[in-house]
Protein backbone atom coordinates (compact mmCIF):
# COMPACT_ATOMS: atom_id res chain seq x y z
CA VAL A 1 36.99 -11.17 1.88
CA THR A 2 35.83 -8.99 -0.85
CA GLU A 3 35.86 -10.61 -4.21
CA ASN A 4 37.52 -8.90 -7.16
CA ARG A 5 34.75 -6.98 -9.13
CA SER A 6 36.17 -8.28 -12.64
CA ASP A 7 35.92 -11.94 -11.40
CA LEU A 8 32.36 -11.23 -9.88
CA GLU A 9 31.13 -9.57 -13.17
CA ASP A 10 32.78 -12.47 -15.16
CA LEU A 11 30.91 -15.32 -13.36
CA HIS A 12 27.82 -13.46 -13.56
CA LEU A 13 27.79 -14.06 -17.36
CA TYR A 14 27.50 -17.77 -16.66
CA ALA A 15 24.54 -17.44 -14.08
CA THR A 16 20.85 -17.67 -14.34
CA PRO A 17 18.85 -14.47 -13.11
CA ARG A 18 18.07 -16.50 -9.93
CA GLU A 19 21.65 -17.34 -9.32
CA GLN A 20 22.64 -13.81 -9.87
CA ARG A 21 20.15 -12.56 -7.36
CA PHE A 22 21.30 -15.01 -4.86
CA ARG A 23 24.85 -13.98 -5.45
CA ARG A 24 24.20 -10.18 -5.00
CA PHE A 25 22.39 -10.78 -1.87
CA ALA A 26 24.65 -13.48 -0.25
CA SER A 27 27.13 -12.19 2.36
CA LEU A 28 28.91 -15.02 3.70
CA GLU A 29 31.30 -17.59 2.02
CA PHE A 30 32.64 -20.91 3.72
CA GLU A 31 34.92 -23.28 1.87
CA GLY A 32 34.13 -21.75 -1.43
CA GLN A 33 30.50 -21.94 -1.18
CA LEU A 34 28.22 -18.74 -0.71
CA TYR A 35 25.53 -18.48 1.86
CA MET A 36 22.92 -15.92 2.82
CA THR A 37 22.10 -14.75 6.20
CA PRO A 38 18.49 -14.86 7.15
CA TYR A 39 18.83 -10.98 7.11
CA ASP A 40 20.11 -11.37 3.48
CA PHE A 41 17.15 -13.68 2.48
CA ILE A 42 14.48 -11.07 3.90
CA GLN A 43 16.23 -8.32 2.02
CA ALA A 44 16.22 -10.39 -1.30
CA VAL A 45 12.55 -10.77 -1.21
CA THR A 46 11.59 -7.36 0.00
CA ASN A 47 14.14 -5.07 -1.85
CA ASP A 48 15.41 -4.36 -5.28
CA GLU A 49 19.30 -4.23 -4.15
CA PRO A 50 21.37 -5.10 -1.15
CA LYS A 51 21.60 -2.15 1.24
CA ARG A 52 25.52 -2.80 1.65
CA ALA A 53 28.38 -3.10 -0.54
CA LYS A 54 29.05 -6.32 -2.34
CA GLN A 55 31.25 -8.39 0.07
CA TRP A 56 31.42 -12.11 1.07
CA ARG A 57 32.79 -12.61 4.49
CA SER A 58 34.60 -15.59 4.90
CA LEU A 59 33.53 -17.74 7.80
CA SER A 60 35.84 -19.85 9.88
CA LYS A 61 34.84 -23.36 10.85
CA GLN A 62 34.54 -22.14 14.42
CA GLU A 63 32.26 -19.29 13.65
CA LEU A 64 29.82 -21.50 11.54
CA ASN A 65 29.72 -24.10 14.50
CA GLN A 66 28.82 -21.40 16.87
CA ILE A 67 26.19 -19.88 14.48
CA LEU A 68 24.65 -23.42 14.10
CA MET A 69 24.88 -24.02 17.95
CA GLU A 70 22.69 -20.95 18.52
CA THR A 71 19.99 -22.35 15.97
CA PRO A 72 16.77 -22.84 17.67
CA PRO A 73 14.80 -26.29 17.28
CA VAL A 74 11.75 -26.33 14.94
CA TRP A 75 9.33 -26.43 17.94
CA LYS A 76 10.60 -23.03 18.89
CA GLY A 77 9.75 -21.43 15.51
CA SER A 78 7.94 -18.19 15.27
CA SER A 79 6.97 -15.73 12.57
CA LYS A 80 9.85 -13.69 13.88
CA LEU A 81 12.55 -16.50 13.39
CA PHE A 82 14.28 -14.79 10.42
CA ARG A 83 14.33 -11.48 12.27
CA ASN A 84 15.45 -13.05 15.50
CA LEU A 85 18.41 -14.90 13.82
CA ASN A 86 19.20 -11.82 11.59
CA GLU A 87 22.81 -12.17 10.79
CA LYS A 88 23.25 -15.45 12.82
CA GLY A 89 22.38 -18.04 10.31
CA VAL A 90 23.41 -19.60 6.89
CA ILE A 91 20.84 -20.33 4.03
CA SER A 92 22.30 -22.21 0.93
CA TYR A 93 21.33 -21.41 -2.72
CA THR A 94 19.13 -24.54 -3.03
CA GLU A 95 17.39 -23.62 0.54
CA TYR A 96 16.86 -20.12 -1.00
CA LEU A 97 15.10 -21.49 -4.17
CA PHE A 98 12.97 -23.79 -1.79
CA LEU A 99 11.96 -21.01 0.67
CA LEU A 100 11.03 -18.91 -2.69
CA CYS A 101 8.90 -21.60 -3.68
CA ILE A 102 7.05 -21.83 -0.37
CA LEU A 103 6.39 -18.09 -0.25
CA THR A 104 4.22 -18.23 -3.29
CA LYS A 105 2.27 -21.51 -2.46
CA PRO A 106 -1.35 -21.88 -0.71
CA HIS A 107 -1.43 -23.68 2.64
CA ALA A 108 -2.83 -26.80 0.77
CA GLY A 109 0.43 -26.92 -1.04
CA PHE A 110 2.28 -27.43 2.18
CA ARG A 111 0.99 -31.06 2.49
CA ILE A 112 2.00 -31.56 -1.07
CA ALA A 113 5.53 -30.34 -0.30
CA PHE A 114 5.72 -32.61 2.57
CA ASN A 115 4.80 -35.73 0.91
CA MET A 116 7.24 -35.05 -1.71
CA PHE A 117 9.88 -35.11 0.87
CA ASP A 118 8.53 -38.11 2.76
CA THR A 119 9.75 -40.63 0.24
CA ASP A 120 9.32 -43.74 2.47
CA GLY A 121 5.78 -42.63 3.59
CA ASN A 122 6.19 -42.94 7.04
CA GLU A 123 4.69 -39.45 7.81
CA MET A 124 8.08 -37.99 9.02
CA VAL A 125 10.93 -36.59 6.80
CA ASP A 126 14.55 -37.13 8.00
CA LYS A 127 17.66 -35.26 6.99
CA LYS A 128 18.51 -37.57 4.01
CA GLU A 129 14.92 -37.19 2.47
CA PHE A 130 15.28 -33.46 2.70
CA LEU A 131 18.75 -33.44 0.88
CA VAL A 132 17.19 -34.88 -2.13
CA LEU A 133 16.41 -31.10 -2.71
CA GLN A 134 20.03 -30.50 -3.27
CA GLU A 135 20.26 -32.98 -6.19
CA ILE A 136 16.96 -31.97 -7.83
CA PHE A 137 17.48 -28.32 -7.85
CA ARG A 138 21.15 -28.92 -9.00
CA LYS A 139 20.15 -31.08 -12.02
CA LYS A 140 17.72 -28.67 -13.12
CA ASN A 141 20.41 -26.05 -13.10
CA GLU A 142 22.84 -28.14 -14.91
CA LYS A 143 20.30 -28.69 -17.78
CA ARG A 144 20.05 -24.82 -18.18
CA GLU A 145 23.56 -23.80 -17.95
CA ARG A 146 25.17 -22.08 -20.83
CA LYS A 147 27.76 -23.25 -23.00
CA GLY A 148 31.01 -21.79 -22.47
CA ASP A 149 34.16 -21.82 -20.36
CA GLU A 150 33.91 -25.02 -18.29
CA GLU A 151 36.24 -23.66 -15.74
CA LYS A 152 34.02 -20.66 -15.05
CA ARG A 153 30.94 -22.73 -14.82
CA ALA A 154 32.65 -25.22 -12.53
CA MET A 155 33.60 -22.13 -10.20
CA LEU A 156 30.05 -21.10 -10.32
CA ARG A 157 28.61 -24.59 -9.26
CA LEU A 158 31.10 -24.76 -6.40
CA GLN A 159 29.93 -21.41 -5.12
CA LEU A 160 26.31 -22.48 -5.26
CA TYR A 161 26.54 -25.97 -4.23
CA GLY A 162 29.70 -26.22 -2.32
CA TYR A 163 31.11 -29.25 -4.38
CA HIS A 164 31.94 -30.13 -7.92
CA THR A 165 29.13 -31.93 -9.65
CA SER A 166 29.72 -35.10 -11.49
CA THR A 167 27.84 -36.71 -14.32
CA ASN A 168 26.32 -39.26 -11.86
CA SER A 169 23.10 -37.92 -10.16
CA VAL A 170 20.58 -39.02 -7.83
CA LEU A 171 18.00 -38.94 -10.34
CA LYS A 172 17.43 -40.76 -13.63
CA SER A 173 17.61 -38.87 -16.76
CA GLU A 174 14.92 -40.56 -18.83
CA GLY A 175 12.18 -38.51 -20.18
CA GLU A 176 13.59 -35.14 -18.91
CA ASP A 177 14.09 -33.42 -22.22
CA LEU A 178 11.34 -30.93 -21.19
CA VAL A 179 12.42 -28.93 -18.25
CA PRO A 180 9.57 -27.75 -16.03
CA ARG A 181 9.22 -24.16 -15.78
CA SER A 182 9.61 -23.62 -12.18
CA TYR A 183 11.48 -25.08 -9.51
CA TRP A 184 8.24 -26.14 -7.69
CA ASP A 185 7.27 -28.28 -10.74
CA THR A 186 10.74 -29.63 -10.70
CA LEU A 187 10.53 -30.50 -7.24
CA ARG A 188 7.14 -32.13 -7.52
CA ARG A 189 7.97 -34.11 -10.65
CA SER A 190 11.62 -35.15 -9.61
CA THR A 191 11.09 -36.31 -5.83
CA SER A 192 9.03 -39.25 -6.78
CA GLN A 193 11.92 -40.26 -9.04
CA ALA A 194 14.07 -40.46 -6.37
CA LEU A 195 12.12 -43.39 -4.82
CA PHE A 196 13.59 -45.36 -7.51
CA SER A 197 17.06 -44.19 -7.57
CA ASP A 198 20.21 -44.93 -5.69
CA LEU A 199 19.63 -42.14 -3.19
CA ALA A 200 19.89 -44.64 -0.39
CA GLU A 201 23.19 -45.56 -1.33
CA ARG A 202 24.34 -42.00 -1.93
CA ALA A 203 22.69 -40.20 0.84
CA ASP A 204 25.56 -40.31 3.17
CA ASP A 205 27.91 -39.25 0.34
CA ILE A 206 25.81 -36.01 -0.32
CA SER A 207 25.47 -35.39 3.50
CA SER A 208 29.08 -35.72 4.05
CA SER A 209 29.96 -33.18 1.07
CA LEU A 210 27.84 -30.65 2.30
CA SER A 211 27.80 -28.39 5.43
CA ASP A 212 25.29 -28.10 7.84
CA THR A 213 22.98 -25.14 7.60
CA THR A 214 20.71 -23.23 9.54
CA LEU A 215 17.68 -24.83 8.06
CA LEU A 216 19.07 -28.34 8.46
CA VAL A 217 19.80 -27.88 12.06
CA HIS A 218 16.35 -26.17 12.74
CA PHE A 219 14.66 -28.91 11.07
CA PHE A 220 16.95 -31.87 12.00
CA GLY A 221 18.66 -30.90 15.18
CA LYS A 222 22.46 -30.45 15.72
CA LYS A 223 23.17 -34.01 15.17
CA GLY A 224 20.88 -34.48 12.24
CA LYS A 225 19.13 -37.23 13.71
CA ALA A 226 15.76 -35.63 14.63
CA GLU A 227 12.96 -36.22 12.28
CA LEU A 228 10.49 -33.44 10.99
CA ASN A 229 6.56 -34.28 11.12
CA PHE A 230 4.02 -32.35 9.10
CA GLU A 231 2.67 -30.17 11.83
CA ASP A 232 6.07 -28.71 12.59
CA PHE A 233 6.65 -28.47 8.69
CA TYR A 234 3.42 -26.55 8.20
CA ARG A 235 3.91 -24.10 11.08
CA PHE A 236 7.38 -23.30 9.64
CA MET A 237 5.99 -22.48 6.26
CA ASP A 238 3.14 -20.62 7.60
CA ASN A 239 5.43 -18.63 9.89
CA LEU A 240 7.59 -17.75 6.92
CA GLN A 241 4.77 -16.53 4.96
CA THR A 242 3.57 -14.33 7.65
CA GLU A 243 6.79 -12.79 8.45
CA VAL A 244 7.65 -11.86 5.09
CA LEU A 245 4.24 -10.09 4.84
CA GLU A 246 4.69 -8.53 8.41
CA ILE A 247 7.96 -7.00 7.29
CA GLU A 248 6.38 -5.67 4.09
CA PHE A 249 3.48 -4.28 5.69
CA LEU A 250 5.49 -2.86 8.65
CA SER A 251 7.89 -1.01 6.19
CA TYR A 252 4.76 1.09 5.23
CA SER A 253 2.64 1.30 8.45
CA ASN A 254 5.31 3.14 10.42
CA GLY A 255 3.97 1.70 13.69
CA MET A 256 0.38 2.12 13.09
CA ASN A 257 -2.21 -0.72 12.60
CA THR A 258 -3.23 0.08 8.99
CA ILE A 259 -1.39 1.15 5.88
CA SER A 260 -3.24 3.31 3.67
CA GLU A 261 -5.04 2.35 0.33
CA GLU A 262 -2.26 4.09 -1.81
CA ASP A 263 0.63 2.23 0.17
CA PHE A 264 -1.30 -0.89 -0.51
CA ALA A 265 -1.46 -0.16 -4.30
CA HIS A 266 2.25 0.48 -4.38
CA ILE A 267 2.92 -2.93 -2.85
CA LEU A 268 0.62 -4.78 -5.14
CA LEU A 269 2.36 -2.91 -8.28
CA ARG A 270 5.84 -3.27 -6.97
CA TYR A 271 7.17 -6.41 -8.80
CA THR A 272 4.78 -6.15 -11.85
CA ASN A 273 5.63 -5.24 -15.49
CA VAL A 274 2.93 -2.62 -15.39
CA GLU A 275 4.45 0.38 -17.36
CA ASN A 276 1.78 3.09 -16.67
CA THR A 277 1.61 2.73 -12.83
CA SER A 278 0.64 6.35 -12.21
CA SER A 279 -2.68 5.80 -14.05
CA TYR A 280 -3.69 3.10 -11.45
CA LEU A 281 -2.35 5.25 -8.56
CA GLU A 282 -4.21 8.37 -9.63
CA ASN A 283 -7.42 6.31 -10.28
CA MET A 284 -7.22 5.09 -6.81
CA ARG A 285 -6.66 8.56 -5.26
CA CYS A 286 -9.51 10.04 -6.98
CA ARG A 287 -11.70 7.29 -6.30
CA ILE A 288 -10.95 6.75 -2.30
CA PRO A 289 -10.65 10.31 -1.21
CA GLU A 290 -11.38 9.34 2.47
CA GLU A 291 -8.64 7.13 3.62
CA LYS A 292 -9.77 4.17 6.01
CA GLY A 293 -6.78 2.16 5.82
CA ILE A 294 -5.87 -1.68 5.14
CA THR A 295 -5.23 -3.91 8.26
CA PHE A 296 -2.66 -6.44 8.41
CA ASP A 297 -5.52 -9.17 8.70
CA GLU A 298 -6.90 -7.83 5.33
CA PHE A 299 -3.33 -7.44 3.73
CA ARG A 300 -2.73 -11.32 4.69
CA SER A 301 -6.04 -12.50 3.50
CA PHE A 302 -5.38 -10.71 -0.01
CA PHE A 303 -1.83 -12.51 -0.34
CA GLN A 304 -3.41 -15.86 0.82
CA PHE A 305 -5.79 -15.40 -2.09
CA LEU A 306 -2.64 -14.51 -4.49
CA ASN A 307 -1.18 -17.80 -3.54
CA ASN A 308 -4.23 -19.64 -4.53
CA LEU A 309 -4.40 -17.69 -8.02
CA GLU A 310 -4.21 -20.87 -9.95
CA ASP A 311 -7.21 -22.24 -8.35
CA PHE A 312 -8.94 -19.03 -8.79
CA THR A 313 -8.14 -19.06 -12.62
CA ILE A 314 -9.52 -22.45 -12.98
CA ALA A 315 -12.60 -21.56 -11.31
CA MET A 316 -13.27 -18.57 -13.34
CA GLN A 317 -12.79 -20.26 -16.43
CA MET A 318 -15.07 -23.16 -15.61
CA TYR A 319 -17.82 -20.40 -14.86
CA ASN A 320 -17.06 -18.45 -17.95
CA PHE A 321 -16.01 -15.40 -16.12
CA ALA A 322 -12.64 -15.22 -17.76
CA SER A 323 -14.32 -13.85 -20.94
CA ARG A 324 -16.01 -10.81 -19.32
CA SER A 325 -15.51 -8.34 -16.46
CA ILE A 326 -17.08 -9.02 -13.14
CA GLY A 327 -18.52 -6.93 -10.28
CA GLN A 328 -17.39 -6.64 -6.61
CA ASP A 329 -19.99 -9.19 -5.19
CA GLU A 330 -19.16 -11.79 -7.91
CA PHE A 331 -15.42 -11.22 -7.52
CA LYS A 332 -15.66 -11.79 -3.81
CA ARG A 333 -17.91 -14.75 -3.98
CA ALA A 334 -15.70 -16.30 -6.67
CA VAL A 335 -12.58 -15.82 -4.58
CA TYR A 336 -14.19 -17.54 -1.43
CA VAL A 337 -15.60 -20.41 -3.45
CA ALA A 338 -12.38 -21.08 -5.49
CA THR A 339 -10.06 -20.65 -2.39
CA GLY A 340 -11.65 -20.58 0.80
CA VAL A 341 -10.33 -17.05 1.45
CA LYS A 342 -12.78 -14.36 2.61
CA LEU A 343 -11.89 -10.95 1.59
CA SER A 344 -13.36 -7.86 3.25
CA PRO A 345 -15.81 -5.52 1.46
CA HIS A 346 -13.35 -2.66 1.76
CA LEU A 347 -10.47 -4.70 0.44
CA VAL A 348 -12.31 -5.82 -2.47
CA ASN A 349 -13.48 -2.23 -3.15
CA THR A 350 -9.90 -0.97 -2.78
CA VAL A 351 -8.78 -3.72 -5.31
CA PHE A 352 -11.55 -2.57 -7.87
CA LYS A 353 -10.53 1.14 -7.30
CA ILE A 354 -6.97 0.28 -8.29
CA PHE A 355 -7.40 -1.96 -11.34
CA ASP A 356 -10.92 -0.63 -12.46
CA VAL A 357 -9.16 2.08 -14.64
CA ASP A 358 -12.23 2.78 -16.97
CA ARG A 359 -14.28 3.30 -13.79
CA ASP A 360 -17.42 1.28 -14.54
CA ASP A 361 -17.19 -0.77 -11.31
CA GLN A 362 -16.18 -3.92 -13.30
CA LEU A 363 -12.81 -5.69 -13.02
CA SER A 364 -11.19 -7.06 -16.20
CA TYR A 365 -10.19 -10.56 -15.32
CA LYS A 366 -7.44 -10.77 -17.98
CA GLU A 367 -5.78 -7.81 -17.07
CA PHE A 368 -5.87 -8.27 -13.29
CA ILE A 369 -4.83 -11.97 -13.39
CA GLY A 370 -1.88 -10.97 -15.69
CA ILE A 371 -0.65 -8.26 -13.12
CA MET A 372 -1.19 -10.24 -10.14
CA LYS A 373 0.94 -13.25 -11.75
CA ASP A 374 3.74 -10.89 -11.92
CA ARG A 375 3.28 -9.65 -8.31
CA LEU A 376 3.03 -13.54 -7.14
CA ASN A 377 6.53 -14.21 -8.50
CA ARG A 378 8.35 -11.89 -5.99
CA GLY A 379 12.09 -12.20 -5.86
CA PHE A 380 12.12 -14.25 -9.26
CA ARG A 381 11.62 -11.12 -11.38
CA GLY A 382 13.58 -7.94 -11.18
CA TYR A 383 12.20 -5.13 -8.78
CA LYS A 384 10.53 -2.35 -10.60
CA PRO A 385 10.70 0.80 -8.41
CA ILE A 386 7.42 2.95 -8.41
CA GLN A 387 7.56 6.62 -7.64
CA ARG A 388 5.79 6.77 -4.13
CA TYR A 389 3.19 9.47 -3.70
CA THR A 390 1.87 10.18 -0.24
CA THR A 391 -1.59 11.65 0.49
CA PHE A 392 -2.16 14.47 2.89
CA LYS A 393 -3.70 12.19 5.44
CA SER A 394 -0.64 9.90 5.45
CA CYS A 395 1.65 12.81 6.13
CA VAL A 396 -0.52 14.13 8.97
CA ARG A 397 -0.61 10.65 10.24
CA LYS A 398 3.07 9.84 9.94
CA GLU A 399 4.30 13.16 11.38
CA LEU A 400 2.03 12.77 14.33
CA TYR A 401 3.44 9.22 14.98
CA SER A 402 7.17 10.58 14.58
CA ARG A 403 6.50 13.04 17.62
């Protein structure tokens, strides 16, 4: 089923940037609600635009049930879960937002997320507790809706949430004049409110109005009766972060064990608002003439550091490093003290060669943090394409591999 292009563009006028991105990448529709496949989700966080024409394929109830029947339980999860499922899965809009939140959070944040869902404090999360997510994100969206055609906004809500929302909500409305900036903040602040809401009375109504998804079946079983413990929750989130990083790394490594320092620079600058990216790339090429390569372990450690960027920022401010540039040893030590992440000397040197534009072997804290905050918000900002240069060594290596 292909939606009429004028209708698509018309509804886009009433959608937020996040909603627009979800609608662009989603490929499935069931009973009026749009869904991503696991393949769609991976594409949405690693590419600028969908690789295929905009089509929403309508699923029958039988097809959906078959997809859900093939969903593995959470204890069979791996860092290849989304790749193995490929097109055989359905992810709702609120789950898309939740997964995006997790991609940018440190491992310590996984416990916070789990505790937010565990509203009765029994160290287990059941399906009803997890569905609070639907109401929290929906309410945040309703507060940000633009004024205009009520019919169009109702159609958009139906596409994203699968049901027409009412003025009643699981969450109380007091004290919500100031909308938190992120969905993570919304989740953190609002879940506790659900403890004092009428969630228990309405949980069955919420559940019955929604179709099961791959994530719900993966977490809570085909009958929805299983409970999720923290170990399984942590493993799922760690696997998700690893899988997305593996996909990004492999897209540049071409089967090799390393990516070039230049490719690493491309990945770091990819989602940022840096205007003159060529100066960073040229600076790095001149200062690292001999290509050593970045391993996946180094690559992953750097993004684990980025997920702890808030703690690093606070630590730098406490030690008054935020007001001056710092050297490589200071940077490496500060990263470890603030985040517990050990960065290799070669990785730190590469980062300095990319961002040390004036070539004084010092890193400007303010500029680096600003750029990395852009990069951390992958998927929430528009993709900024960067012209890709290839060094002679990279050409030789990839040519040899292709043979």
